N, C-alpha and C. Protein backbone atom coordinates (compact mmCIF):
# COMPACT_ATOMS: atom_id res chain seq x y z
N UNK A 1 105.30 124.85 168.64
CA UNK A 1 104.99 126.41 168.10
C UNK A 1 106.07 127.55 168.43
N UNK A 2 106.49 128.11 167.68
CA UNK A 2 107.47 129.27 167.62
C UNK A 2 107.10 130.46 167.03
N UNK A 3 107.28 131.65 167.78
CA UNK A 3 106.60 132.89 167.39
C UNK A 3 107.88 133.83 167.17
N UNK A 4 107.55 134.73 166.40
CA UNK A 4 108.65 135.84 166.34
C UNK A 4 107.70 137.11 165.76
N UNK A 5 108.43 138.32 166.33
CA UNK A 5 107.72 139.66 165.86
C UNK A 5 108.63 139.89 164.87
N UNK A 6 108.04 140.39 163.42
CA UNK A 6 108.78 140.94 162.24
C UNK A 6 107.99 142.35 162.05
N UNK A 7 108.45 143.36 162.35
CA UNK A 7 107.99 144.74 162.15
C UNK A 7 106.61 144.73 162.81
N UNK A 8 105.60 144.97 161.85
CA UNK A 8 104.31 144.90 162.55
C UNK A 8 103.49 143.72 162.56
N UNK A 9 103.94 142.44 162.03
CA UNK A 9 103.55 141.17 162.03
C UNK A 9 104.12 140.25 163.15
N UNK A 10 103.25 139.41 163.50
CA UNK A 10 103.50 138.36 164.25
C UNK A 10 103.66 137.12 163.48
N UNK A 11 104.57 136.12 163.60
CA UNK A 11 104.68 135.29 162.76
C UNK A 11 104.70 133.93 163.76
N UNK A 12 103.97 132.98 163.56
CA UNK A 12 103.98 131.67 164.23
C UNK A 12 104.39 130.59 163.03
N UNK A 13 105.25 129.85 163.53
CA UNK A 13 105.76 128.62 162.88
C UNK A 13 105.23 127.51 163.78
N UNK A 14 104.51 126.52 163.20
CA UNK A 14 104.08 125.33 163.59
C UNK A 14 104.24 124.33 162.62
N UNK A 15 103.63 122.94 163.03
CA UNK A 15 103.52 121.84 162.08
C UNK A 15 102.49 120.91 162.48
N UNK A 16 102.24 120.15 161.60
CA UNK A 16 101.04 119.18 161.76
C UNK A 16 101.59 117.79 160.97
N UNK A 17 100.94 116.86 161.44
CA UNK A 17 101.22 115.35 160.95
C UNK A 17 100.76 115.21 159.74
N UNK A 18 101.53 114.92 158.64
CA UNK A 18 101.10 115.01 157.40
C UNK A 18 100.44 113.72 156.87
N UNK A 19 101.30 112.89 157.52
CA UNK A 19 101.21 111.28 157.19
C UNK A 19 101.77 110.63 158.18
N UNK A 20 101.30 109.52 158.63
CA UNK A 20 102.21 108.72 159.88
C UNK A 20 103.81 108.76 159.72
N UNK A 21 104.14 109.41 160.83
CA UNK A 21 105.82 109.51 160.90
C UNK A 21 106.58 110.76 160.05
N UNK A 22 105.55 111.37 159.59
CA UNK A 22 105.77 112.74 158.63
C UNK A 22 105.16 113.88 159.01
N UNK A 23 106.00 114.97 159.25
CA UNK A 23 105.54 116.48 159.75
C UNK A 23 105.68 117.33 158.33
N UNK A 24 104.78 118.04 158.59
CA UNK A 24 105.03 119.42 157.39
C UNK A 24 104.76 120.70 158.31
N UNK A 25 105.75 121.33 157.87
CA UNK A 25 105.40 122.85 158.60
C UNK A 25 104.52 123.77 158.31
N UNK A 26 104.30 125.00 158.92
CA UNK A 26 103.01 125.95 158.32
C UNK A 26 103.52 127.09 159.17
N UNK A 27 103.17 128.02 158.56
CA UNK A 27 103.20 129.18 159.00
C UNK A 27 102.08 130.34 159.06
N UNK A 28 101.76 131.17 159.94
CA UNK A 28 100.41 132.03 160.22
C UNK A 28 101.14 133.49 160.31
N UNK A 29 100.98 134.25 159.72
CA UNK A 29 101.36 135.84 159.76
C UNK A 29 100.04 136.50 160.23
N UNK A 30 100.18 137.16 161.36
CA UNK A 30 99.12 138.08 161.84
C UNK A 30 99.56 139.45 162.13
N UNK A 31 98.20 140.48 161.99
CA UNK A 31 98.66 141.80 162.18
C UNK A 31 97.52 142.14 163.21
N UNK A 32 97.80 142.60 164.30
CA UNK A 32 96.72 143.06 165.36
C UNK A 32 95.79 141.94 165.36
N UNK A 33 96.26 140.91 165.62
CA UNK A 33 95.24 139.57 165.89
C UNK A 33 94.49 139.26 164.59
N UNK A 34 94.58 139.64 163.59
CA UNK A 34 94.10 139.45 162.16
C UNK A 34 95.21 138.70 161.26
N UNK A 35 94.32 137.67 160.93
CA UNK A 35 95.34 136.69 160.06
C UNK A 35 95.87 137.39 158.61
N UNK A 36 96.79 137.42 158.39
CA UNK A 36 97.01 138.09 157.06
C UNK A 36 97.64 136.82 156.21
N UNK A 37 98.53 136.30 156.32
CA UNK A 37 98.75 135.07 155.63
C UNK A 37 98.84 133.79 156.28
N UNK A 38 98.68 132.71 155.56
CA UNK A 38 99.05 131.38 156.12
C UNK A 38 99.57 130.68 154.78
N UNK A 39 100.53 129.59 155.27
CA UNK A 39 100.99 128.83 154.00
C UNK A 39 101.50 127.43 154.43
N UNK A 40 101.33 126.36 153.86
CA UNK A 40 101.90 124.80 154.37
C UNK A 40 102.85 124.79 153.79
N UNK A 41 103.79 124.35 154.05
CA UNK A 41 105.24 124.02 153.61
C UNK A 41 105.02 122.74 152.69
N UNK A 42 106.07 122.41 151.51
CA UNK A 42 105.92 121.18 150.92
C UNK A 42 106.76 120.29 151.33
N UNK A 43 107.65 120.51 152.27
CA UNK A 43 108.73 119.40 152.53
C UNK A 43 108.01 118.83 153.58
N UNK A 44 108.39 117.38 153.51
CA UNK A 44 108.11 116.50 154.53
C UNK A 44 109.22 116.20 155.30
N UNK A 45 108.93 115.95 156.70
CA UNK A 45 109.95 115.94 157.74
C UNK A 45 109.66 114.69 158.71
N UNK A 46 110.66 114.05 158.98
CA UNK A 46 110.77 113.05 160.11
C UNK A 46 110.40 113.56 161.39
N UNK A 47 111.07 114.58 161.95
CA UNK A 47 111.16 115.45 163.06
C UNK A 47 110.13 116.47 163.02
N UNK A 48 109.37 116.55 164.15
CA UNK A 48 108.42 117.84 164.46
C UNK A 48 109.24 118.98 164.46
N UNK A 49 110.18 118.90 165.18
CA UNK A 49 110.91 120.22 165.44
C UNK A 49 111.63 120.90 164.19
N UNK A 50 112.15 120.05 163.18
CA UNK A 50 112.62 120.47 162.00
C UNK A 50 111.19 121.07 161.29
N UNK A 51 110.13 120.50 161.41
CA UNK A 51 109.02 120.99 160.42
C UNK A 51 108.57 122.16 161.14
N UNK A 52 108.36 122.41 162.28
CA UNK A 52 108.18 123.90 162.96
C UNK A 52 109.15 124.50 162.53
N UNK A 53 110.32 124.47 162.62
CA UNK A 53 111.47 125.47 162.35
C UNK A 53 111.23 125.90 160.83
N UNK A 54 111.00 124.94 159.77
CA UNK A 54 110.85 125.40 158.52
C UNK A 54 109.62 126.49 158.43
N UNK A 55 108.50 125.99 158.99
CA UNK A 55 107.44 127.14 158.89
C UNK A 55 108.10 128.25 159.75
N UNK A 56 108.39 128.36 160.57
CA UNK A 56 108.83 129.75 161.10
C UNK A 56 109.97 130.54 160.25
N UNK A 57 111.00 129.74 159.49
CA UNK A 57 111.88 130.31 158.96
C UNK A 57 111.42 130.93 157.36
N UNK A 58 110.26 129.99 157.06
CA UNK A 58 109.38 130.72 155.67
C UNK A 58 108.75 131.96 156.30
N UNK A 59 107.98 131.88 157.51
CA UNK A 59 107.25 132.87 157.84
C UNK A 59 107.92 134.22 158.20
N UNK A 60 109.05 134.20 158.60
CA UNK A 60 109.81 135.13 158.92
C UNK A 60 110.37 135.71 157.61
N UNK A 61 110.53 135.08 156.31
CA UNK A 61 110.89 135.58 155.10
C UNK A 61 109.90 136.26 154.34
N UNK A 62 108.61 135.70 154.73
CA UNK A 62 107.60 136.19 153.82
C UNK A 62 107.18 137.43 154.60
N UNK A 63 107.23 137.64 156.14
CA UNK A 63 106.90 138.56 156.73
C UNK A 63 107.67 139.95 156.35
N UNK A 64 109.09 139.42 156.31
CA UNK A 64 109.91 140.73 155.81
C UNK A 64 109.88 141.00 154.56
N UNK A 65 109.17 140.30 153.44
CA UNK A 65 108.63 140.66 152.47
C UNK A 65 107.55 141.48 152.29
N UNK A 66 106.49 141.38 153.28
CA UNK A 66 105.25 142.29 153.26
C UNK A 66 105.77 143.26 153.99
N UNK A 67 107.06 143.47 155.03
CA UNK A 67 107.23 144.82 155.37
C UNK A 67 107.93 145.68 154.29
N UNK A 68 108.56 145.04 153.55
CA UNK A 68 109.47 145.60 152.54
C UNK A 68 108.28 146.15 151.38
N UNK A 69 107.09 145.43 150.90
CA UNK A 69 106.15 146.13 150.23
C UNK A 69 105.30 146.95 150.73
N UNK A 70 105.23 146.89 152.20
CA UNK A 70 104.33 147.90 152.73
C UNK A 70 104.93 149.00 153.15
N UNK A 71 106.08 149.28 153.79
CA UNK A 71 106.69 150.18 154.49
C UNK A 71 107.91 150.68 153.75
N UNK A 72 108.34 149.70 152.66
CA UNK A 72 109.74 150.08 151.66
C UNK A 72 111.18 149.71 152.41
N UNK A 73 111.06 149.20 153.79
CA UNK A 73 112.00 148.62 154.13
C UNK A 73 111.89 147.18 154.79
N UNK A 74 113.19 146.55 155.07
CA UNK A 74 113.29 145.07 155.60
C UNK A 74 113.59 145.21 156.97
N UNK A 75 112.69 144.93 157.94
CA UNK A 75 113.16 145.12 159.30
C UNK A 75 114.27 143.97 159.89
N UNK A 76 114.57 143.07 158.78
CA UNK A 76 115.55 142.04 159.34
C UNK A 76 114.81 140.91 160.11
N UNK A 77 115.38 140.12 160.89
CA UNK A 77 114.77 138.76 161.64
C UNK A 77 114.45 139.37 163.12
N UNK A 78 114.63 140.34 163.57
CA UNK A 78 114.29 140.66 164.86
C UNK A 78 113.27 141.78 165.08
């Protein structure tokens, strides 16, 4: 699991076994401990690390968009 703070949001990139030998990424975006969004990635990966990275990357993009909608600016990846 990987974690990143984007603006007001905490982004967690994780993954799970989608079928034997295949991993699927997932992200959860939360604010003050409350879940704001969750998404399961569609791509199947052979490697757990790649799946988790995809989840984190897509979660960061989604959190940046949420900040832009809420506050009118994009805080970037950091």
